Amino acid sequence: MSSSPIPIFTPNAPPPAGPYSQAVRFGSSIQVSGQLGFDPIDFSLGPDVFTQTTQALQNISAILHAAGAALGDVVMIRVYLSELSDFPKLNEALAPWFPQGGVARTTVQVTLPPNVFVEIDAMAVSSSITEPS
């Protein structure tokens, strides 16, 4: 197992907006950087928190796949929400992805860029990750 962090990049999720990677893998752990609800193909942004949450989770899933893991390996998500009144819609959007509360979560209200309602980062742990050859 590598003792050095391995940056993860995939064209199947929006590129980082600065000098950081989409995720970093270290041993069996993967930390995914905060993902907004931008479509990776045309960079469009959904009109509401439900749509943006769904896209952010699709982005996280693509990044985890590039790292050799899956959403089922996620143990923790941190959700940054622009309006706490969107909390019920956030829960509705998250439920199909993490059934029966199978993930730890923190949700906080923050100021996000205009028309951005949610940002999500994730921590995954997978014993099935193999080192690149």
Protein backbone atom coordinates (compact mmCIF):
# COMPACT_ATOMS: atom_id res chain seq x y z
CA MET A 1 0.00 0.00 0.00
CA SER A 2 1.35 3.43 -0.91
CA SER A 3 2.51 5.67 1.92
CA SER A 4 2.12 8.77 -0.25
CA PRO A 5 -1.11 10.57 -1.11
CA ILE A 6 -2.21 9.97 -4.71
CA PRO A 7 -4.12 12.79 -6.44
CA ILE A 8 -7.20 11.67 -8.38
CA PHE A 9 -8.49 13.39 -11.52
CA THR A 10 -11.22 12.36 -13.97
CA PRO A 11 -12.79 14.12 -16.97
CA ASN A 12 -16.14 12.67 -15.81
CA ALA A 13 -16.49 15.37 -13.13
CA PRO A 14 -15.92 19.13 -13.31
CA PRO A 15 -12.24 20.10 -13.09
CA PRO A 16 -10.97 21.76 -9.91
CA ALA A 17 -11.41 25.53 -9.77
CA GLY A 18 -7.93 26.01 -8.31
CA PRO A 19 -4.65 24.28 -7.44
CA TYR A 20 -6.11 21.15 -5.87
CA SER A 21 -7.22 17.69 -6.98
CA GLN A 22 -10.72 16.29 -7.29
CA ALA A 23 -9.74 13.75 -4.63
CA VAL A 24 -6.74 12.32 -2.83
CA ARG A 25 -6.29 8.64 -2.13
CA PHE A 26 -4.15 7.60 0.82
CA GLY A 27 -4.05 3.88 1.50
CA SER A 28 -7.64 2.69 1.69
CA SER A 29 -9.04 6.20 2.26
CA ILE A 30 -10.24 8.64 -0.37
CA GLN A 31 -11.07 12.26 0.40
CA VAL A 32 -13.17 13.87 -2.34
CA SER A 33 -12.95 17.65 -2.63
CA GLY A 34 -16.14 19.67 -2.38
CA GLN A 35 -18.37 19.18 -5.41
CA LEU A 36 -20.94 21.63 -6.69
CA GLY A 37 -23.86 20.67 -8.90
CA PHE A 38 -22.17 21.55 -12.19
CA ASP A 39 -22.65 19.20 -15.13
CA PRO A 40 -19.15 18.06 -16.23
CA ILE A 41 -20.02 18.30 -19.93
CA ASP A 42 -21.56 21.74 -20.34
CA PHE A 43 -20.97 23.19 -16.83
CA SER A 44 -24.68 23.98 -16.49
CA LEU A 45 -26.05 24.36 -12.98
CA GLY A 46 -29.44 23.00 -11.95
CA PRO A 47 -32.17 25.41 -10.83
CA ASP A 48 -32.70 24.09 -7.29
CA VAL A 49 -31.07 22.31 -4.36
CA PHE A 50 -32.53 18.90 -5.31
CA THR A 51 -31.08 19.00 -8.85
CA GLN A 52 -27.73 20.39 -7.70
CA THR A 53 -27.43 17.79 -4.93
CA THR A 54 -28.12 14.99 -7.39
CA GLN A 55 -25.47 16.29 -9.80
CA ALA A 56 -22.92 16.83 -7.02
CA LEU A 57 -23.41 13.19 -5.98
CA GLN A 58 -23.00 12.05 -9.60
CA ASN A 59 -19.73 14.01 -9.68
CA ILE A 60 -18.59 12.41 -6.41
CA SER A 61 -19.50 8.98 -7.77
CA ALA A 62 -17.42 9.57 -10.92
CA ILE A 63 -14.43 10.71 -8.87
CA LEU A 64 -14.69 7.73 -6.53
CA HIS A 65 -14.89 5.41 -9.55
CA ALA A 66 -11.66 6.96 -10.89
CA ALA A 67 -10.08 6.23 -7.51
CA GLY A 68 -11.22 2.60 -7.54
CA ALA A 69 -14.11 3.02 -5.11
CA ALA A 70 -17.87 3.65 -5.15
CA LEU A 71 -20.55 5.58 -3.27
CA GLY A 72 -21.15 2.46 -1.17
CA ASP A 73 -17.67 3.03 0.30
CA VAL A 74 -18.55 6.52 1.58
CA VAL A 75 -18.45 6.80 5.36
CA MET A 76 -18.88 10.58 5.76
CA ILE A 77 -20.23 13.51 3.78
CA ARG A 78 -20.09 17.18 4.63
CA VAL A 79 -22.83 19.28 3.12
CA TYR A 80 -22.56 23.05 2.76
CA LEU A 81 -26.01 24.51 2.22
CA SER A 82 -26.75 28.11 1.26
CA GLU A 83 -30.24 28.08 2.84
CA LEU A 84 -31.24 25.92 5.80
CA SER A 85 -34.82 26.09 4.52
CA ASP A 86 -33.60 23.73 1.75
CA PHE A 87 -32.80 21.01 4.33
CA PRO A 88 -35.92 18.90 3.56
CA LYS A 89 -35.20 18.94 -0.20
CA LEU A 90 -31.56 18.09 0.52
CA ASN A 91 -32.67 15.06 2.55
CA GLU A 92 -35.03 14.03 -0.24
CA ALA A 93 -32.19 14.20 -2.79
CA LEU A 94 -29.72 12.30 -0.57
CA ALA A 95 -32.06 9.45 0.43
CA PRO A 96 -31.76 7.31 -2.74
CA TRP A 97 -27.96 7.58 -2.70
CA PHE A 98 -27.50 6.67 0.97
CA PRO A 99 -30.42 4.42 1.95
CA GLN A 100 -31.25 3.84 5.60
CA GLY A 101 -28.85 6.53 6.80
CA GLY A 102 -25.80 4.50 5.83
CA VAL A 103 -23.42 7.45 6.02
CA ALA A 104 -22.31 9.93 8.68
CA ARG A 105 -23.10 13.54 7.78
CA THR A 106 -22.54 17.11 8.83
CA THR A 107 -24.62 19.90 7.29
CA VAL A 108 -23.83 23.58 7.79
CA GLN A 109 -25.15 26.80 6.31
CA VAL A 110 -22.58 28.82 4.37
CA THR A 111 -22.35 31.56 1.77
CA LEU A 112 -21.90 30.02 -1.68
CA PRO A 113 -21.46 31.67 -5.10
CA PRO A 114 -24.60 33.08 -6.74
CA ASN A 115 -27.09 30.39 -7.86
CA VAL A 116 -25.12 27.66 -6.06
CA PHE A 117 -27.25 26.07 -3.35
CA VAL A 118 -25.12 23.14 -2.16
CA GLU A 119 -21.57 21.80 -2.02
CA ILE A 120 -20.71 18.29 -0.84
CA ASP A 121 -17.41 16.62 0.03
CA ALA A 122 -16.99 12.96 0.90
CA MET A 123 -14.69 10.54 2.69
CA ALA A 124 -14.62 6.94 1.49
CA VAL A 125 -12.82 3.88 2.80
CA SER A 126 -12.42 0.80 0.65
CA SER A 127 -10.34 -2.30 1.32
CA SER A 128 -10.76 -3.30 -2.33
CA ILE A 129 -8.66 -0.42 -3.68
CA THR A 130 -5.63 -1.67 -5.56
CA GLU A 131 -2.47 0.25 -6.32
CA PRO A 132 -1.97 1.39 -9.92
CA SER A 133 0.50 -0.75 -11.84
